[in-house]
Amino acid sequence: MSAPVLDITAENITQTLQKALAPIRLEVIDESYQHAGHVGANDSGVGTHFRVRITSPFFTDITRVKQHRLVYDALRPYIDQGLHALAIETNF
C-alpha cells in the first residue's frame, strides 16, 4: 500500500510543523518560483523549494543540527514526494 500523495504547499507544511513541533513562531515561505529552470524545480513554480523559519520549545538545549533534524523528520513525507530544497532558520 503506497503513501497518500501530499499537496506540497506552504499551508500544509505549516500545519504539519504545528502538529509536530508546537512552534511559538513559524513562517513557511514557498520560494519555488525563484528556482524555475533549476534542478528539482517543476514547471508550476510551486511546491519544490521552501524556507522555514521556526522557533519551538523542542529546540531548547539541543544543537542546531538536531533542531534541523527535527524539522526534516517532520517533513520527510513531503521530501519523499518532491520537496526538493528546504532552507531552515531556527530560533529566529
PDB file of N, CA and C in Angstrom:
ATOM      1  N   MET A   1       0.853  -1.177   0.000  1.00  0.00           N
ATOM      2  CA  MET A   1       0.000   0.000   0.000  1.00  0.00           C
ATOM      3  C   MET A   1       0.897   1.238   0.000  1.00  0.00           C
ATOM      4  N   SER A   2       0.691   2.129  -0.930  1.00  0.00           N
ATOM      5  CA  SER A   2       1.535   3.317  -1.030  1.00  0.00           C
ATOM      6  C   SER A   2       0.982   4.453  -0.173  1.00  0.00           C
ATOM      7  N   ALA A   3       1.890   5.368   0.177  1.00  0.00           N
ATOM      8  CA  ALA A   3       1.500   6.525   0.986  1.00  0.00           C
ATOM      9  C   ALA A   3       0.620   7.450   0.156  1.00  0.00           C
ATOM     10  N   PRO A   4      -0.288   8.175   0.804  1.00  0.00           N
ATOM     11  CA  PRO A   4      -1.128   9.114   0.052  1.00  0.00           C
ATOM     12  C   PRO A   4      -0.278  10.231  -0.536  1.00  0.00           C
ATOM     13  N   VAL A   5      -0.681  10.719  -1.684  1.00  0.00           N
ATOM     14  CA  VAL A   5       0.029  11.818  -2.325  1.00  0.00           C
ATOM     15  C   VAL A   5      -0.291  13.099  -1.563  1.00  0.00           C
ATOM     16  N   LEU A   6       0.761  13.816  -1.191  1.00  0.00           N
ATOM     17  CA  LEU A   6       0.598  15.054  -0.430  1.00  0.00           C
ATOM     18  C   LEU A   6       0.630  16.256  -1.355  1.00  0.00           C
ATOM     19  N   ASP A   7      -0.156  17.245  -1.010  1.00  0.00           N
ATOM     20  CA  ASP A   7      -0.122  18.519  -1.708  1.00  0.00           C
ATOM     21  C   ASP A   7       0.967  19.351  -1.022  1.00  0.00           C
ATOM     22  N   ILE A   8       2.067  19.579  -1.724  1.00  0.00           N
ATOM     23  CA  ILE A   8       3.204  20.267  -1.119  1.00  0.00           C
ATOM     24  C   ILE A   8       2.982  21.770  -1.234  1.00  0.00           C
ATOM     25  N   THR A   9       2.370  22.319  -0.171  1.00  0.00           N
ATOM     26  CA  THR A   9       2.086  23.749  -0.115  1.00  0.00           C
ATOM     27  C   THR A   9       2.593  24.310   1.206  1.00  0.00           C
ATOM     28  N   ALA A  10       2.786  25.614   1.243  1.00  0.00           N
ATOM     29  CA  ALA A  10       3.204  26.267   2.483  1.00  0.00           C
ATOM     30  C   ALA A  10       2.174  26.020   3.583  1.00  0.00           C
ATOM     31  N   GLU A  11       0.905  26.033   3.237  1.00  0.00           N
ATOM     32  CA  GLU A  11      -0.155  25.817   4.228  1.00  0.00           C
ATOM     33  C   GLU A  11      -0.071  24.417   4.831  1.00  0.00           C
ATOM     34  N   ASN A  12       0.112  23.402   4.007  1.00  0.00           N
ATOM     35  CA  ASN A  12       0.196  22.030   4.514  1.00  0.00           C
ATOM     36  C   ASN A  12       1.467  21.807   5.331  1.00  0.00           C
ATOM     37  N   ILE A  13       2.570  22.381   4.888  1.00  0.00           N
ATOM     38  CA  ILE A  13       3.820  22.277   5.634  1.00  0.00           C
ATOM     39  C   ILE A  13       3.664  22.970   6.988  1.00  0.00           C
ATOM     40  N   THR A  14       3.017  24.118   6.999  1.00  0.00           N
ATOM     41  CA  THR A  14       2.756  24.839   8.254  1.00  0.00           C
ATOM     42  C   THR A  14       1.959  23.967   9.212  1.00  0.00           C
ATOM     43  N   GLN A  15       0.890  23.365   8.727  1.00  0.00           N
ATOM     44  CA  GLN A  15       0.048  22.512   9.574  1.00  0.00           C
ATOM     45  C   GLN A  15       0.848  21.325  10.128  1.00  0.00           C
ATOM     46  N   THR A  16       1.671  20.729   9.302  1.00  0.00           N
ATOM     47  CA  THR A  16       2.478  19.583   9.735  1.00  0.00           C
ATOM     48  C   THR A  16       3.454  19.991  10.828  1.00  0.00           C
ATOM     49  N   LEU A  17       4.122  21.120  10.635  1.00  0.00           N
ATOM     50  CA  LEU A  17       5.086  21.577  11.640  1.00  0.00           C
ATOM     51  C   LEU A  17       4.397  22.010  12.927  1.00  0.00           C
ATOM     52  N   GLN A  18       3.215  22.597  12.819  1.00  0.00           N
ATOM     53  CA  GLN A  18       2.471  22.973  14.025  1.00  0.00           C
ATOM     54  C   GLN A  18       2.124  21.736  14.850  1.00  0.00           C
ATOM     55  N   LYS A  19       1.708  20.680  14.191  1.00  0.00           N
ATOM     56  CA  LYS A  19       1.359  19.446  14.894  1.00  0.00           C
ATOM     57  C   LYS A  19       2.592  18.773  15.498  1.00  0.00           C
ATOM     58  N   ALA A  20       3.690  18.764  14.757  1.00  0.00           N
ATOM     59  CA  ALA A  20       4.876  18.020  15.185  1.00  0.00           C
ATOM     60  C   ALA A  20       5.721  18.758  16.214  1.00  0.00           C
ATOM     61  N   LEU A  21       5.836  20.096  16.068  1.00  0.00           N
ATOM     62  CA  LEU A  21       6.813  20.828  16.876  1.00  0.00           C
ATOM     63  C   LEU A  21       6.230  21.953  17.724  1.00  0.00           C
ATOM     64  N   ALA A  22       4.936  22.161  17.692  1.00  0.00           N
ATOM     65  CA  ALA A  22       4.270  23.187  18.514  1.00  0.00           C
ATOM     66  C   ALA A  22       5.055  24.499  18.555  1.00  0.00           C
ATOM     67  N   PRO A  23       5.338  25.078  17.389  1.00  0.00           N
ATOM     68  CA  PRO A  23       6.184  26.278  17.370  1.00  0.00           C
ATOM     69  C   PRO A  23       5.536  27.487  18.027  1.00  0.00           C
ATOM     70  N   ILE A  24       6.406  28.350  18.563  1.00  0.00           N
ATOM     71  CA  ILE A  24       5.938  29.625  19.105  1.00  0.00           C
ATOM     72  C   ILE A  24       5.918  30.649  17.974  1.00  0.00           C
ATOM     73  N   ARG A  25       6.842  30.484  17.047  1.00  0.00           N
ATOM     74  CA  ARG A  25       6.889  31.320  15.839  1.00  0.00           C
ATOM     75  C   ARG A  25       7.133  30.396  14.659  1.00  0.00           C
ATOM     76  N   LEU A  26       6.457  30.684  13.552  1.00  0.00           N
ATOM     77  CA  LEU A  26       6.615  29.854  12.366  1.00  0.00           C
ATOM     78  C   LEU A  26       6.259  30.648  11.119  1.00  0.00           C
ATOM     79  N   GLU A  27       7.142  30.600  10.157  1.00  0.00           N
ATOM     80  CA  GLU A  27       6.887  31.136   8.817  1.00  0.00           C
ATOM     81  C   GLU A  27       7.326  30.077   7.826  1.00  0.00           C
ATOM     82  N   VAL A  28       6.472  29.779   6.859  1.00  0.00           N
ATOM     83  CA  VAL A  28       6.832  28.871   5.780  1.00  0.00           C
ATOM     84  C   VAL A  28       6.634  29.641   4.481  1.00  0.00           C
ATOM     85  N   ILE A  29       7.709  29.764   3.718  1.00  0.00           N
ATOM     86  CA  ILE A  29       7.689  30.582   2.506  1.00  0.00           C
ATOM     87  C   ILE A  29       8.021  29.702   1.307  1.00  0.00           C
ATOM     88  N   ASP A  30       7.136  29.704   0.315  1.00  0.00           N
ATOM     89  CA  ASP A  30       7.390  28.960  -0.921  1.00  0.00           C
ATOM     90  C   ASP A  30       8.260  29.830  -1.824  1.00  0.00           C
ATOM     91  N   GLU A  31       9.513  29.415  -2.017  1.00  0.00           N
ATOM     92  CA  GLU A  31      10.465  30.141  -2.851  1.00  0.00           C
ATOM     93  C   GLU A  31      10.678  29.448  -4.196  1.00  0.00           C
ATOM     94  N   SER A  32       9.787  28.546  -4.539  1.00  0.00           N
ATOM     95  CA  SER A  32       9.951  27.739  -5.752  1.00  0.00           C
ATOM     96  C   SER A  32      10.083  28.584  -7.009  1.00  0.00           C
ATOM     97  N   TYR A  33       9.318  29.657  -7.082  1.00  0.00           N
ATOM     98  CA  TYR A  33       9.331  30.498  -8.282  1.00  0.00           C
ATOM     99  C   TYR A  33      10.725  31.050  -8.569  1.00  0.00           C
ATOM    100  N   GLN A  34      11.541  31.193  -7.537  1.00  0.00           N
ATOM    101  CA  GLN A  34      12.899  31.726  -7.721  1.00  0.00           C
ATOM    102  C   GLN A  34      13.837  30.702  -8.357  1.00  0.00           C
ATOM    103  N   HIS A  35      13.398  29.459  -8.446  1.00  0.00           N
ATOM    104  CA  HIS A  35      14.263  28.388  -8.915  1.00  0.00           C
ATOM    105  C   HIS A  35      13.786  27.777 -10.218  1.00  0.00           C
ATOM    106  N   ALA A  36      12.912  28.461 -10.923  1.00  0.00           N
ATOM    107  CA  ALA A  36      12.403  27.949 -12.190  1.00  0.00           C
ATOM    108  C   ALA A  36      13.574  27.629 -13.119  1.00  0.00           C
ATOM    109  N   GLY A  37      13.537  26.449 -13.698  1.00  0.00           N
ATOM    110  CA  GLY A  37      14.593  26.031 -14.609  1.00  0.00           C
ATOM    111  C   GLY A  37      15.766  25.346 -13.929  1.00  0.00           C
ATOM    112  N   HIS A  38      15.797  25.350 -12.603  1.00  0.00           N
ATOM    113  CA  HIS A  38      16.877  24.692 -11.863  1.00  0.00           C
ATOM    114  C   HIS A  38      16.537  23.224 -11.648  1.00  0.00           C
ATOM    115  N   VAL A  39      17.541  22.450 -11.314  1.00  0.00           N
ATOM    116  CA  VAL A  39      17.334  21.049 -10.984  1.00  0.00           C
ATOM    117  C   VAL A  39      16.380  20.949  -9.800  1.00  0.00           C
ATOM    118  N   GLY A  40      15.411  20.057  -9.896  1.00  0.00           N
ATOM    119  CA  GLY A  40      14.461  19.846  -8.815  1.00  0.00           C
ATOM    120  C   GLY A  40      13.234  20.723  -8.889  1.00  0.00           C
ATOM    121  N   ALA A  41      13.268  21.758  -9.721  1.00  0.00           N
ATOM    122  CA  ALA A  41      12.099  22.631  -9.865  1.00  0.00           C
ATOM    123  C   ALA A  41      11.107  21.971 -10.813  1.00  0.00           C
ATOM    124  N   ASN A  42       9.851  22.326 -10.669  1.00  0.00           N
ATOM    125  CA  ASN A  42       8.860  21.810 -11.607  1.00  0.00           C
ATOM    126  C   ASN A  42       8.334  22.962 -12.461  1.00  0.00           C
ATOM    127  N   ASP A  43       7.507  22.646 -13.421  1.00  0.00           N
ATOM    128  CA  ASP A  43       7.006  23.671 -14.335  1.00  0.00           C
ATOM    129  C   ASP A  43       5.998  24.615 -13.699  1.00  0.00           C
ATOM    130  N   SER A  44       5.413  24.231 -12.557  1.00  0.00           N
ATOM    131  CA  SER A  44       4.378  25.064 -11.950  1.00  0.00           C
ATOM    132  C   SER A  44       4.944  26.232 -11.149  1.00  0.00           C
ATOM    133  N   GLY A  45       6.224  26.144 -10.730  1.00  0.00           N
ATOM    134  CA  GLY A  45       6.820  27.216  -9.936  1.00  0.00           C
ATOM    135  C   GLY A  45       6.393  27.198  -8.476  1.00  0.00           C
ATOM    136  N   VAL A  46       5.778  26.099  -8.032  1.00  0.00           N
ATOM    137  CA  VAL A  46       5.398  25.966  -6.626  1.00  0.00           C
ATOM    138  C   VAL A  46       5.720  24.556  -6.133  1.00  0.00           C
ATOM    139  N   GLY A  47       5.898  24.444  -4.817  1.00  0.00           N
ATOM    140  CA  GLY A  47       5.970  23.136  -4.204  1.00  0.00           C
ATOM    141  C   GLY A  47       7.297  22.415  -4.210  1.00  0.00           C
ATOM    142  N   THR A  48       8.395  23.090  -4.542  1.00  0.00           N
ATOM    143  CA  THR A  48       9.675  22.381  -4.575  1.00  0.00           C
ATOM    144  C   THR A  48      10.736  22.983  -3.671  1.00  0.00           C
ATOM    145  N   HIS A  49      10.689  24.282  -3.430  1.00  0.00           N
ATOM    146  CA  HIS A  49      11.710  24.979  -2.640  1.00  0.00           C
ATOM    147  C   HIS A  49      11.026  25.830  -1.572  1.00  0.00           C
ATOM    148  N   PHE A  50      11.362  25.560  -0.308  1.00  0.00           N
ATOM    149  CA  PHE A  50      10.732  26.286   0.788  1.00  0.00           C
ATOM    150  C   PHE A  50      11.762  26.795   1.779  1.00  0.00           C
ATOM    151  N   ARG A  51      11.411  27.878   2.438  1.00  0.00           N
ATOM    152  CA  ARG A  51      12.170  28.406   3.572  1.00  0.00           C
ATOM    153  C   ARG A  51      11.272  28.288   4.798  1.00  0.00           C
ATOM    154  N   VAL A  52      11.812  27.688   5.863  1.00  0.00           N
ATOM    155  CA  VAL A  52      11.082  27.533   7.118  1.00  0.00           C
ATOM    156  C   VAL A  52      11.826  28.319   8.184  1.00  0.00           C
ATOM    157  N   ARG A  53      11.119  29.228   8.810  1.00  0.00           N
ATOM    158  CA  ARG A  53      11.643  29.966   9.966  1.00  0.00           C
ATOM    159  C   ARG A  53      10.819  29.511  11.160  1.00  0.00           C
ATOM    160  N   ILE A  54      11.489  28.934  12.146  1.00  0.00           N
ATOM    161  CA  ILE A  54      10.742  28.294  13.222  1.00  0.00           C
ATOM    162  C   ILE A  54      11.454  28.421  14.567  1.00  0.00           C
ATOM    163  N   THR A  55      10.670  28.683  15.586  1.00  0.00           N
ATOM    164  CA  THR A  55      11.124  28.666  16.973  1.00  0.00           C
ATOM    165  C   THR A  55      10.192  27.709  17.708  1.00  0.00           C
ATOM    166  N   SER A  56      10.777  26.722  18.376  1.00  0.00           N
ATOM    167  CA  SER A  56       9.976  25.698  19.029  1.00  0.00           C
ATOM    168  C   SER A  56      10.551  25.364  20.403  1.00  0.00           C
ATOM    169  N   PRO A  57       9.682  25.057  21.348  1.00  0.00           N
ATOM    170  CA  PRO A  57      10.186  24.608  22.647  1.00  0.00           C
ATOM    171  C   PRO A  57      10.971  23.301  22.545  1.00  0.00           C
ATOM    172  N   PHE A  58      10.753  22.543  21.489  1.00  0.00           N
ATOM    173  CA  PHE A  58      11.506  21.310  21.276  1.00  0.00           C
ATOM    174  C   PHE A  58      12.982  21.578  20.978  1.00  0.00           C
ATOM    175  N   PHE A  59      13.331  22.823  20.669  1.00  0.00           N
ATOM    176  CA  PHE A  59      14.712  23.170  20.314  1.00  0.00           C
ATOM    177  C   PHE A  59      15.559  23.562  21.525  1.00  0.00           C
ATOM    178  N   THR A  60      14.943  23.630  22.685  1.00  0.00           N
ATOM    179  CA  THR A  60      15.657  24.054  23.889  1.00  0.00           C
ATOM    180  C   THR A  60      16.788  23.086  24.206  1.00  0.00           C
ATOM    181  N   ASP A  61      17.967  23.651  24.371  1.00  0.00           N
ATOM    182  CA  ASP A  61      19.154  22.900  24.791  1.00  0.00           C
ATOM    183  C   ASP A  61      19.580  21.792  23.834  1.00  0.00           C
ATOM    184  N   ILE A  62      19.272  21.933  22.535  1.00  0.00           N
ATOM    185  CA  ILE A  62      19.821  20.992  21.558  1.00  0.00           C
ATOM    186  C   ILE A  62      20.550  21.779  20.474  1.00  0.00           C
ATOM    187  N   THR A  63      21.464  21.133  19.803  1.00  0.00           N
ATOM    188  CA  THR A  63      22.273  21.795  18.778  1.00  0.00           C
ATOM    189  C   THR A  63      21.425  22.180  17.571  1.00  0.00           C
ATOM    190  N   ARG A  64      21.947  23.077  16.787  1.00  0.00           N
ATOM    191  CA  ARG A  64      21.261  23.497  15.565  1.00  0.00           C
ATOM    192  C   ARG A  64      21.066  22.304  14.622  1.00  0.00           C
ATOM    193  N   VAL A  65      22.050  21.429  14.558  1.00  0.00           N
ATOM    194  CA  VAL A  65      21.925  20.244  13.706  1.00  0.00           C
ATOM    195  C   VAL A  65      20.733  19.397  14.148  1.00  0.00           C
ATOM    196  N   LYS A  66      20.571  19.208  15.448  1.00  0.00           N
ATOM    197  CA  LYS A  66      19.442  18.428  15.961  1.00  0.00           C
ATOM    198  C   LYS A  66      18.116  19.153  15.729  1.00  0.00           C
ATOM    199  N   GLN A  67      18.125  20.476  15.813  1.00  0.00           N
ATOM    200  CA  GLN A  67      16.915  21.254  15.522  1.00  0.00           C
ATOM    201  C   GLN A  67      16.497  21.031  14.070  1.00  0.00           C
ATOM    202  N   HIS A  68      17.463  21.115  13.175  1.00  0.00           N
ATOM    203  CA  HIS A  68      17.172  20.917  11.748  1.00  0.00           C
ATOM    204  C   HIS A  68      16.684  19.498  11.499  1.00  0.00           C
ATOM    205  N   ARG A  69      17.272  18.522  12.186  1.00  0.00           N
ATOM    206  CA  ARG A  69      16.855  17.132  12.019  1.00  0.00           C
ATOM    207  C   ARG A  69      15.393  16.961  12.420  1.00  0.00           C
ATOM    208  N   LEU A  70      14.959  17.619  13.478  1.00  0.00           N
ATOM    209  CA  LEU A  70      13.552  17.546  13.887  1.00  0.00           C
ATOM    210  C   LEU A  70      12.631  18.078  12.783  1.00  0.00           C
ATOM    211  N   VAL A  71      13.047  19.176  12.152  1.00  0.00           N
ATOM    212  CA  VAL A  71      12.248  19.741  11.057  1.00  0.00           C
ATOM    213  C   VAL A  71      12.234  18.780   9.869  1.00  0.00           C
ATOM    214  N   TYR A  72      13.403  18.278   9.485  1.00  0.00           N
ATOM    215  CA  TYR A  72      13.477  17.319   8.374  1.00  0.00           C
ATOM    216  C   TYR A  72      12.636  16.081   8.659  1.00  0.00           C
ATOM    217  N   ASP A  73      12.718  15.567   9.882  1.00  0.00           N
ATOM    218  CA  ASP A  73      11.943  14.375  10.232  1.00  0.00           C
ATOM    219  C   ASP A  73      10.444  14.635  10.106  1.00  0.00           C
ATOM    220  N   ALA A  74       9.994  15.797  10.553  1.00  0.00           N
ATOM    221  CA  ALA A  74       8.570  16.143  10.462  1.00  0.00           C
ATOM    222  C   ALA A  74       8.115  16.256   9.006  1.00  0.00           C
ATOM    223  N   LEU A  75       9.028  16.722   8.145  1.00  0.00           N
ATOM    224  CA  LEU A  75       8.662  16.973   6.743  1.00  0.00           C
ATOM    225  C   LEU A  75       9.069  15.846   5.799  1.00  0.00           C
ATOM    226  N   ARG A  76       9.558  14.736   6.327  1.00  0.00           N
ATOM    227  CA  ARG A  76      10.001  13.603   5.495  1.00  0.00           C
ATOM    228  C   ARG A  76       8.976  13.186   4.442  1.00  0.00           C
ATOM    229  N   PRO A  77       7.683  13.088   4.765  1.00  0.00           N
ATOM    230  CA  PRO A  77       6.727  12.691   3.722  1.00  0.00           C
ATOM    231  C   PRO A  77       6.710  13.650   2.527  1.00  0.00           C
ATOM    232  N   TYR A  78       6.918  14.935   2.775  1.00  0.00           N
ATOM    233  CA  TYR A  78       6.951  15.909   1.685  1.00  0.00           C
ATOM    234  C   TYR A  78       8.232  15.761   0.872  1.00  0.00           C
ATOM    235  N   ILE A  79       9.331  15.546   1.555  1.00  0.00           N
ATOM    236  CA  ILE A  79      10.618  15.361   0.886  1.00  0.00           C
ATOM    237  C   ILE A  79      10.547  14.125  -0.011  1.00  0.00           C
ATOM    238  N   ASP A  80       9.963  13.066   0.509  1.00  0.00           N
ATOM    239  CA  ASP A  80       9.836  11.828  -0.258  1.00  0.00           C
ATOM    240  C   ASP A  80       8.975  11.994  -1.500  1.00  0.00           C
ATOM    241  N   GLN A  81       8.104  13.022  -1.492  1.00  0.00           N
ATOM    242  CA  GLN A  81       7.202  13.213  -2.624  1.00  0.00           C
ATOM    243  C   GLN A  81       7.542  14.425  -3.486  1.00  0.00           C
ATOM    244  N   GLY A  82       8.747  14.995  -3.327  1.00  0.00           N
ATOM    245  CA  GLY A  82       9.153  16.014  -4.274  1.00  0.00           C
ATOM    246  C   GLY A  82       9.609  17.341  -3.728  1.00  0.00           C
ATOM    247  N   LEU A  83       9.483  17.571  -2.422  1.00  0.00           N
ATOM    248  CA  LEU A  83      10.058  18.796  -1.876  1.00  0.00           C
ATOM    249  C   LEU A  83      11.560  18.678  -2.067  1.00  0.00           C
ATOM    250  N   HIS A  84      12.110  19.545  -2.886  1.00  0.00           N
ATOM    251  CA  HIS A  84      13.488  19.396  -3.338  1.00  0.00           C
ATOM    252  C   HIS A  84      14.497  20.124  -2.453  1.00  0.00           C
ATOM    253  N   ALA A  85      14.128  21.314  -1.973  1.00  0.00           N
ATOM    254  CA  ALA A  85      15.077  22.116  -1.197  1.00  0.00           C
ATOM    255  C   ALA A  85      14.355  22.754  -0.015  1.00  0.00           C
ATOM    256  N   LEU A  86      15.065  22.753   1.114  1.00  0.00           N
ATOM    257  CA  LEU A  86      14.483  23.280   2.337  1.00  0.00           C
ATOM    258  C   LEU A  86      15.542  24.097   3.064  1.00  0.00           C
ATOM    259  N   ALA A  87      15.314  25.406   3.166  1.00  0.00           N
ATOM    260  CA  ALA A  87      16.179  26.279   3.947  1.00  0.00           C
ATOM    261  C   ALA A  87      15.535  26.424   5.318  1.00  0.00           C
ATOM    262  N   ILE A  88      16.304  26.158   6.368  1.00  0.00           N
ATOM    263  CA  ILE A  88      15.745  26.182   7.718  1.00  0.00           C
ATOM    264  C   ILE A  88      16.472  27.230   8.552  1.00  0.00           C
ATOM    265  N   GLU A  89      15.679  28.102   9.173  1.00  0.00           N
ATOM    266  CA  GLU A  89      16.204  29.085  10.119  1.00  0.00           C
ATOM    267  C   GLU A  89      15.494  28.807  11.442  1.00  0.00           C
ATOM    268  N   THR A  90      16.267  28.428  12.459  1.00  0.00           N
ATOM    269  CA  THR A  90      15.666  28.115  13.756  1.00  0.00           C
ATOM    270  C   THR A  90      15.912  29.237  14.736  1.00  0.00           C
ATOM    271  N   ASN A  91      14.994  29.353  15.693  1.00  0.00           N
ATOM    272  CA  ASN A  91      15.092  30.353  16.753  1.00  0.00           C
ATOM    273  C   ASN A  91      15.307  31.754  16.208  1.00  0.00           C
ATOM    274  N   PHE A  92      14.495  32.141  15.241  1.00  0.00           N
ATOM    275  CA  PHE A  92      14.617  33.471  14.636  1.00  0.00           C
ATOM    276  C   PHE A  92      13.866  34.508  15.420  1.00  0.00           C
TER     277      PHE A  92
END
